C-alpha atoms as a PDB file:
ATOM      1  CA  UNK A   1      80.037 103.936-155.161  1.00  0.00           C
ATOM      2  CA  UNK A   2      78.569 102.829-158.477  1.00  0.00           C
ATOM      3  CA  UNK A   3      76.848  99.445-158.490  1.00  0.00           C
ATOM      4  CA  UNK A   4      76.668  97.142-161.494  1.00  0.00           C
ATOM      5  CA  UNK A   5      73.361  95.819-162.797  1.00  0.00           C
ATOM      6  CA  UNK A   6      73.720  93.046-165.375  1.00  0.00           C
ATOM      7  CA  UNK A   7      70.584  92.111-167.278  1.00  0.00           C
ATOM      8  CA  UNK A   8      69.293  90.626-170.484  1.00  0.00           C
ATOM      9  CA  UNK A   9      65.927  90.644-172.141  1.00  0.00           C
ATOM     10  CA  UNK A  10      64.514  87.212-172.768  1.00  0.00           C
ATOM     11  CA  UNK A  11      61.787  85.165-174.361  1.00  0.00           C
ATOM     12  CA  UNK A  12      61.860  81.438-173.627  1.00  0.00           C
ATOM     13  CA  UNK A  13      59.399  79.211-175.422  1.00  0.00           C
ATOM     14  CA  UNK A  14      60.427  76.152-173.397  1.00  0.00           C
ATOM     15  CA  UNK A  15      62.982  74.648-170.999  1.00  0.00           C
ATOM     16  CA  UNK A  16      65.270  73.872-173.926  1.00  0.00           C
ATOM     17  CA  UNK A  17      65.551  77.582-174.764  1.00  0.00           C
ATOM     18  CA  UNK A  18      66.493  78.251-171.129  1.00  0.00           C
ATOM     19  CA  UNK A  19      69.215  75.575-171.138  1.00  0.00           C
ATOM     20  CA  UNK A  20      70.692  76.324-174.562  1.00  0.00           C
ATOM     21  CA  UNK A  21      70.736  80.106-174.472  1.00  0.00           C
ATOM     22  CA  UNK A  22      69.909  81.903-171.259  1.00  0.00           C
ATOM     23  CA  UNK A  23      71.411  79.393-168.801  1.00  0.00           C
ATOM     24  CA  UNK A  24      74.674  79.589-170.777  1.00  0.00           C
ATOM     25  CA  UNK A  25      74.528  83.412-170.587  1.00  0.00           C
ATOM     26  CA  UNK A  26      73.975  83.278-166.830  1.00  0.00           C
ATOM     27  CA  UNK A  27      76.752  80.708-166.235  1.00  0.00           C
ATOM     28  CA  UNK A  28      79.199  82.801-168.250  1.00  0.00           C
ATOM     29  CA  UNK A  29      78.534  85.956-166.271  1.00  0.00           C
ATOM     30  CA  UNK A  30      78.471  84.225-162.887  1.00  0.00           C
ATOM     31  CA  UNK A  31      82.123  83.258-163.531  1.00  0.00           C
ATOM     32  CA  UNK A  32      82.828  85.984-166.082  1.00  0.00           C
ATOM     33  CA  UNK A  33      84.491  89.350-166.456  1.00  0.00           C
ATOM     34  CA  UNK A  34      81.857  91.480-164.721  1.00  0.00           C
ATOM     35  CA  UNK A  35      81.388  91.510-160.987  1.00  0.00           C
ATOM     36  CA  UNK A  36      77.694  92.401-160.956  1.00  0.00           C
ATOM     37  CA  UNK A  37      75.868  93.482-157.823  1.00  0.00           C
ATOM     38  CA  UNK A  38      72.585  92.261-159.322  1.00  0.00           C
ATOM     39  CA  UNK A  39      71.788  89.981-162.271  1.00  0.00           C
ATOM     40  CA  UNK A  40      68.279  89.744-163.669  1.00  0.00           C
ATOM     41  CA  UNK A  41      66.272  88.853-166.734  1.00  0.00           C
ATOM     42  CA  UNK A  42      63.642  91.133-168.226  1.00  0.00           C
ATOM     43  CA  UNK A  43      61.048  88.734-169.608  1.00  0.00           C
ATOM     44  CA  UNK A  44      59.021  89.511-172.733  1.00  0.00           C
ATOM     45  CA  UNK A  45      56.038  87.274-171.901  1.00  0.00           C
ATOM     46  CA  UNK A  46      57.713  83.865-172.067  1.00  0.00           C
ATOM     47  CA  UNK A  47      55.635  80.713-171.610  1.00  0.00           C
ATOM     48  CA  UNK A  48      58.623  79.257-169.697  1.00  0.00           C
ATOM     49  CA  UNK A  49      60.563  80.956-166.898  1.00  0.00           C
ATOM     50  CA  UNK A  50      63.753  79.816-165.169  1.00  0.00           C
ATOM     51  CA  UNK A  51      63.557  78.725-161.528  1.00  0.00           C
ATOM     52  CA  UNK A  52      63.172  81.747-159.254  1.00  0.00           C
ATOM     53  CA  UNK A  53      66.030  80.516-157.061  1.00  0.00           C
ATOM     54  CA  UNK A  54      68.367  80.613-160.090  1.00  0.00           C
ATOM     55  CA  UNK A  55      67.807  84.177-161.340  1.00  0.00           C
ATOM     56  CA  UNK A  56      65.398  87.032-160.704  1.00  0.00           C
ATOM     57  CA  UNK A  57      62.960  87.584-163.562  1.00  0.00           C
ATOM     58  CA  UNK A  58      61.010  90.795-164.083  1.00  0.00           C
ATOM     59  CA  UNK A  59      58.179  91.276-166.563  1.00  0.00           C
ATOM     60  CA  UNK A  60      58.871  93.744-169.358  1.00  0.00           C
ATOM     61  CA  UNK A  61      55.393  95.162-168.683  1.00  0.00           C
ATOM     62  CA  UNK A  62      56.444  96.406-165.251  1.00  0.00           C
ATOM     63  CA  UNK A  63      57.996  99.707-166.449  1.00  0.00           C
ATOM     64  CA  UNK A  64      61.406  98.359-165.482  1.00  0.00           C
ATOM     65  CA  UNK A  65      63.210 100.742-167.817  1.00  0.00           C
ATOM     66  CA  UNK A  66      61.873 103.879-166.194  1.00  0.00           C
ATOM     67  CA  UNK A  67      62.310 102.735-162.615  1.00  0.00           C
ATOM     68  CA  UNK A  68      65.523 100.735-162.742  1.00  0.00           C
ATOM     69  CA  UNK A  69      67.735 101.393-165.741  1.00  0.00           C
ATOM     70  CA  UNK A  70      69.796 104.602-165.460  1.00  0.00           C
ATOM     71  CA  UNK A  71      70.065 105.346-169.190  1.00  0.00           C
ATOM     72  CA  UNK A  72      66.391 106.053-169.790  1.00  0.00           C
ATOM     73  CA  UNK A  73      64.651 109.410-169.867  1.00  0.00           C
ATOM     74  CA  UNK A  74      64.570 109.370-166.085  1.00  0.00           C
ATOM     75  CA  UNK A  75      68.303 110.017-165.833  1.00  0.00           C
ATOM     76  CA  UNK A  76      70.095 111.284-168.964  1.00  0.00           C
ATOM     77  CA  UNK A  77      73.393 112.077-167.206  1.00  0.00           C
ATOM     78  CA  UNK A  78      74.736 108.650-168.177  1.00  0.00           C
ATOM     79  CA  UNK A  79      76.469 108.190-171.528  1.00  0.00           C
ATOM     80  CA  UNK A  80      76.106 104.969-173.467  1.00  0.00           C
ATOM     81  CA  UNK A  81      74.526 103.167-176.372  1.00  0.00           C
ATOM     82  CA  UNK A  82      74.704 100.168-178.712  1.00  0.00           C
ATOM     83  CA  UNK A  83      78.093 101.096-180.215  1.00  0.00           C
ATOM     84  CA  UNK A  84      78.389  97.838-182.171  1.00  0.00           C
ATOM     85  CA  UNK A  85      75.924  99.276-184.684  1.00  0.00           C
ATOM     86  CA  UNK A  86      77.508 102.720-185.086  1.00  0.00           C
ATOM     87  CA  UNK A  87      79.412 103.444-188.258  1.00  0.00           C
ATOM     88  CA  UNK A  88      81.626 106.415-188.963  1.00  0.00           C
ATOM     89  CA  UNK A  89      80.618 108.847-191.658  1.00  0.00           C
ATOM     90  CA  UNK A  90      81.897 107.437-194.963  1.00  0.00           C
ATOM     91  CA  UNK A  91      81.165 110.546-196.994  1.00  0.00           C
ATOM     92  CA  UNK A  92      80.015 109.736-200.520  1.00  0.00           C
ATOM     93  CA  UNK A  93      80.233 106.001-199.656  1.00  0.00           C
ATOM     94  CA  UNK A  94      77.561 106.142-196.918  1.00  0.00           C
ATOM     95  CA  UNK A  95      75.001 104.131-198.941  1.00  0.00           C
ATOM     96  CA  UNK A  96      74.551 100.525-197.763  1.00  0.00           C
ATOM     97  CA  UNK A  97      75.299  99.273-201.256  1.00  0.00           C
ATOM     98  CA  UNK A  98      78.994  99.974-200.553  1.00  0.00           C
ATOM     99  CA  UNK A  99      79.005  97.634-197.509  1.00  0.00           C
ATOM    100  CA  UNK A 100      79.993  94.743-199.764  1.00  0.00           C
ATOM    101  CA  UNK A 101      83.331  96.395-200.588  1.00  0.00           C
ATOM    102  CA  UNK A 102      86.064  94.625-198.571  1.00  0.00           C
ATOM    103  CA  UNK A 103      87.409  97.838-197.029  1.00  0.00           C
ATOM    104  CA  UNK A 104      84.253  98.944-195.179  1.00  0.00           C
ATOM    105  CA  UNK A 105      83.993  96.063-192.671  1.00  0.00           C
ATOM    106  CA  UNK A 106      87.362  97.168-191.204  1.00  0.00           C
ATOM    107  CA  UNK A 107      87.294  98.501-187.634  1.00  0.00           C
ATOM    108  CA  UNK A 108      88.403 101.931-188.868  1.00  0.00           C
ATOM    109  CA  UNK A 109      84.915 102.481-190.293  1.00  0.00           C
ATOM    110  CA  UNK A 110      83.171 101.521-187.035  1.00  0.00           C
ATOM    111  CA  UNK A 111      82.580 103.921-184.189  1.00  0.00           C
ATOM    112  CA  UNK A 112      84.578 102.830-181.098  1.00  0.00           C
ATOM    113  CA  UNK A 113      83.171 102.803-177.593  1.00  0.00           C
ATOM    114  CA  UNK A 114      84.073 106.209-176.099  1.00  0.00           C
ATOM    115  CA  UNK A 115      86.507 106.073-173.186  1.00  0.00           C
ATOM    116  CA  UNK A 116      84.040 107.967-171.001  1.00  0.00           C
ATOM    117  CA  UNK A 117      80.973 105.781-171.751  1.00  0.00           C
ATOM    118  CA  UNK A 118      79.107 104.713-168.622  1.00  0.00           C
ATOM    119  CA  UNK A 119      77.676 101.646-170.356  1.00  0.00           C
ATOM    120  CA  UNK A 120      77.593  99.843-173.695  1.00  0.00           C
ATOM    121  CA  UNK A 121      74.994  97.347-174.845  1.00  0.00           C
ATOM    122  CA  UNK A 122      75.334  94.443-177.255  1.00  0.00           C
ATOM    123  CA  UNK A 123      79.123  94.641-177.376  1.00  0.00           C
ATOM    124  CA  UNK A 124      80.751  92.481-180.050  1.00  0.00           C
ATOM    125  CA  UNK A 125      84.177  90.750-179.892  1.00  0.00           C
ATOM    126  CA  UNK A 126      85.959  93.281-182.145  1.00  0.00           C
ATOM    127  CA  UNK A 127      85.245  96.106-179.692  1.00  0.00           C
ATOM    128  CA  UNK A 128      87.659  97.081-176.945  1.00  0.00           C
ATOM    129  CA  UNK A 129      85.906  97.428-173.609  1.00  0.00           C
ATOM    130  CA  UNK A 130      87.515  98.944-170.531  1.00  0.00           C
ATOM    131  CA  UNK A 131      85.934  98.377-167.133  1.00  0.00           C
ATOM    132  CA  UNK A 132      86.317 101.240-164.700  1.00  0.00           C
ATOM    133  CA  UNK A 133      86.514 100.430-161.010  1.00  0.00           C
ATOM    134  CA  UNK A 134      84.807 102.456-158.359  1.00  0.00           C
END
């Protein structure tokens, strides 16, 4: 059975950053569309951390990617990426200077999330995401 790990990277300069950004993220996913087995924050050296009883926080310096996340060089059998940034080949119009033309922001020119992707990061609202059950 596949388990779901839900995480975000974070840097909180103060309690206000926790309340306005990361607490909202956590509250959304606690009641949200993903039934995660584990939720954690990977901290990038923040001067402020959330209460330990609220969410587990792991330092980014702890080699978390190589020991915990399945899509690193440790285990390449998983398929996934940041599909929100992928664009289809536009042929002679591939230069960024053509991005201002009204046709290129259309979804047709964006790479969709493959149906067999094991994960996708930084998904945006225009993307269709299907959750596979175990």
